[in-house]
Amino acid sequence: MPEAVIAPDPHVIDVRTLVPAQRHQKIFQLVNELVPGASFVLVNDHDPKPLYYQLEAEYPKQFSWTYLERGPEVWRVEIGKRAQAA
């Protein structure tokens, strides 16, 4: 199973190397490991908006979602765990 590429900054995860079926699994693993106030930057090859809805459904109001880059070839989103989500 291919591993997601972790850029030189350990807070950046590039899931473009994973097959699509493995991406959400890896992202949810990272989300579950976040401590309150921490975040990571997700790098993807398409708009991960469906992931936002999935996160919001599973963890209502517990995460921040900030677009840093919006395509057309690369999307970068900072996903953080809100401090009050402890």
C-alpha atoms as a PDB file:
ATOM      1  CA  MET A   1       0.000   0.000   0.000  1.00  0.00           C
ATOM      2  CA  PRO A   2       1.538   3.353  -0.989  1.00  0.00           C
ATOM      3  CA  GLU A   3       2.244   5.835   1.747  1.00  0.00           C
ATOM      4  CA  ALA A   4       1.083   9.426   1.676  1.00  0.00           C
ATOM      5  CA  VAL A   5       3.946  11.800   1.036  1.00  0.00           C
ATOM      6  CA  ILE A   6       4.825  13.868   4.049  1.00  0.00           C
ATOM      7  CA  ALA A   7       6.535  17.020   2.877  1.00  0.00           C
ATOM      8  CA  PRO A   8       9.609  18.406   4.681  1.00  0.00           C
ATOM      9  CA  ASP A   9       7.179  20.217   6.983  1.00  0.00           C
ATOM     10  CA  PRO A  10       5.637  17.420   9.100  1.00  0.00           C
ATOM     11  CA  HIS A  11       2.387  19.376   9.245  1.00  0.00           C
ATOM     12  CA  VAL A  12       1.874  18.995   5.480  1.00  0.00           C
ATOM     13  CA  ILE A  13       0.347  15.781   4.148  1.00  0.00           C
ATOM     14  CA  ASP A  14       0.180  15.183   0.407  1.00  0.00           C
ATOM     15  CA  VAL A  15      -2.387  12.493  -0.376  1.00  0.00           C
ATOM     16  CA  ARG A  16      -2.031  12.732  -4.155  1.00  0.00           C
ATOM     17  CA  THR A  17       0.162   9.609  -4.143  1.00  0.00           C
ATOM     18  CA  LEU A  18      -2.549   7.506  -2.483  1.00  0.00           C
ATOM     19  CA  VAL A  19      -5.276   5.761  -4.414  1.00  0.00           C
ATOM     20  CA  PRO A  20      -8.560   7.622  -3.853  1.00  0.00           C
ATOM     21  CA  ALA A  21     -10.042   4.824  -1.729  1.00  0.00           C
ATOM     22  CA  GLN A  22      -7.219   5.242   0.819  1.00  0.00           C
ATOM     23  CA  ARG A  23      -7.241   9.038   1.075  1.00  0.00           C
ATOM     24  CA  HIS A  24     -10.144   9.558   3.470  1.00  0.00           C
ATOM     25  CA  GLN A  25      -8.891   6.736   5.695  1.00  0.00           C
ATOM     26  CA  LYS A  26      -5.474   8.423   5.992  1.00  0.00           C
ATOM     27  CA  ILE A  27      -6.968  11.883   6.523  1.00  0.00           C
ATOM     28  CA  PHE A  28      -9.332  10.652   9.245  1.00  0.00           C
ATOM     29  CA  GLN A  29      -6.391   8.934  10.941  1.00  0.00           C
ATOM     30  CA  LEU A  30      -4.556  12.264  11.019  1.00  0.00           C
ATOM     31  CA  VAL A  31      -7.643  14.142  12.184  1.00  0.00           C
ATOM     32  CA  ASN A  32      -8.130  11.695  15.047  1.00  0.00           C
ATOM     33  CA  GLU A  33      -4.489  12.211  16.110  1.00  0.00           C
ATOM     34  CA  LEU A  34      -4.779  16.009  16.282  1.00  0.00           C
ATOM     35  CA  VAL A  35      -4.559  17.589  19.707  1.00  0.00           C
ATOM     36  CA  PRO A  36      -6.667  20.692  20.395  1.00  0.00           C
ATOM     37  CA  GLY A  37      -5.123  23.753  18.766  1.00  0.00           C
ATOM     38  CA  ALA A  38      -3.060  21.691  16.284  1.00  0.00           C
ATOM     39  CA  SER A  39      -3.491  21.512  12.516  1.00  0.00           C
ATOM     40  CA  PHE A  40      -2.082  20.060   9.331  1.00  0.00           C
ATOM     41  CA  VAL A  41      -2.152  21.117   5.694  1.00  0.00           C
ATOM     42  CA  LEU A  42      -3.814  18.698   3.294  1.00  0.00           C
ATOM     43  CA  VAL A  43      -2.511  18.697  -0.295  1.00  0.00           C
ATOM     44  CA  ASN A  44      -4.849  17.133  -2.860  1.00  0.00           C
ATOM     45  CA  ASP A  45      -5.389  16.996  -6.618  1.00  0.00           C
ATOM     46  CA  HIS A  46      -9.054  18.031  -6.417  1.00  0.00           C
ATOM     47  CA  ASP A  47     -11.265  20.140  -4.190  1.00  0.00           C
ATOM     48  CA  PRO A  48     -11.714  18.110  -0.983  1.00  0.00           C
ATOM     49  CA  LYS A  49     -15.044  19.795  -0.142  1.00  0.00           C
ATOM     50  CA  PRO A  50     -16.854  16.428   0.292  1.00  0.00           C
ATOM     51  CA  LEU A  51     -14.329  15.663   3.030  1.00  0.00           C
ATOM     52  CA  TYR A  52     -15.345  18.883   4.791  1.00  0.00           C
ATOM     53  CA  TYR A  53     -18.978  17.704   4.894  1.00  0.00           C
ATOM     54  CA  GLN A  54     -17.917  14.285   6.146  1.00  0.00           C
ATOM     55  CA  LEU A  55     -15.766  15.816   8.907  1.00  0.00           C
ATOM     56  CA  GLU A  56     -18.547  18.190   9.920  1.00  0.00           C
ATOM     57  CA  ALA A  57     -21.031  15.305  10.101  1.00  0.00           C
ATOM     58  CA  GLU A  58     -18.742  13.189  12.288  1.00  0.00           C
ATOM     59  CA  TYR A  59     -17.234  15.997  14.395  1.00  0.00           C
ATOM     60  CA  PRO A  60     -19.697  18.931  14.378  1.00  0.00           C
ATOM     61  CA  LYS A  61     -18.053  22.317  15.014  1.00  0.00           C
ATOM     62  CA  GLN A  62     -14.817  20.677  16.218  1.00  0.00           C
ATOM     63  CA  PHE A  63     -12.565  21.486  13.255  1.00  0.00           C
ATOM     64  CA  SER A  64     -11.437  24.497  11.269  1.00  0.00           C
ATOM     65  CA  TRP A  65     -11.163  24.349   7.477  1.00  0.00           C
ATOM     66  CA  THR A  66      -9.139  27.025   5.653  1.00  0.00           C
ATOM     67  CA  TYR A  67      -8.356  26.959   1.948  1.00  0.00           C
ATOM     68  CA  LEU A  68      -4.753  27.992   1.279  1.00  0.00           C
ATOM     69  CA  GLU A  69      -4.807  27.176  -2.453  1.00  0.00           C
ATOM     70  CA  ARG A  70      -7.792  26.410  -4.709  1.00  0.00           C
ATOM     71  CA  GLY A  71      -6.586  24.585  -7.805  1.00  0.00           C
ATOM     72  CA  PRO A  72      -6.899  24.097 -10.638  1.00  0.00           C
ATOM     73  CA  GLU A  73      -4.221  21.409 -10.207  1.00  0.00           C
ATOM     74  CA  VAL A  74      -3.454  21.537  -6.472  1.00  0.00           C
ATOM     75  CA  TRP A  75      -5.674  22.252  -3.493  1.00  0.00           C
ATOM     76  CA  ARG A  76      -4.180  22.980  -0.083  1.00  0.00           C
ATOM     77  CA  VAL A  77      -6.426  23.113   2.981  1.00  0.00           C
ATOM     78  CA  GLU A  78      -5.422  23.675   6.577  1.00  0.00           C
ATOM     79  CA  ILE A  79      -7.472  21.416   8.849  1.00  0.00           C
ATOM     80  CA  GLY A  80      -7.268  22.170  12.556  1.00  0.00           C
ATOM     81  CA  LYS A  81      -8.815  20.903  15.757  1.00  0.00           C
ATOM     82  CA  ARG A  82     -10.436  23.739  17.641  1.00  0.00           C
ATOM     83  CA  ALA A  83      -9.087  24.323  21.136  1.00  0.00           C
ATOM     84  CA  GLN A  84     -12.572  24.008  22.655  1.00  0.00           C
ATOM     85  CA  ALA A  85     -12.981  20.578  20.997  1.00  0.00           C
ATOM     86  CA  ALA A  86     -10.976  18.896  23.744  1.00  0.00           C
END
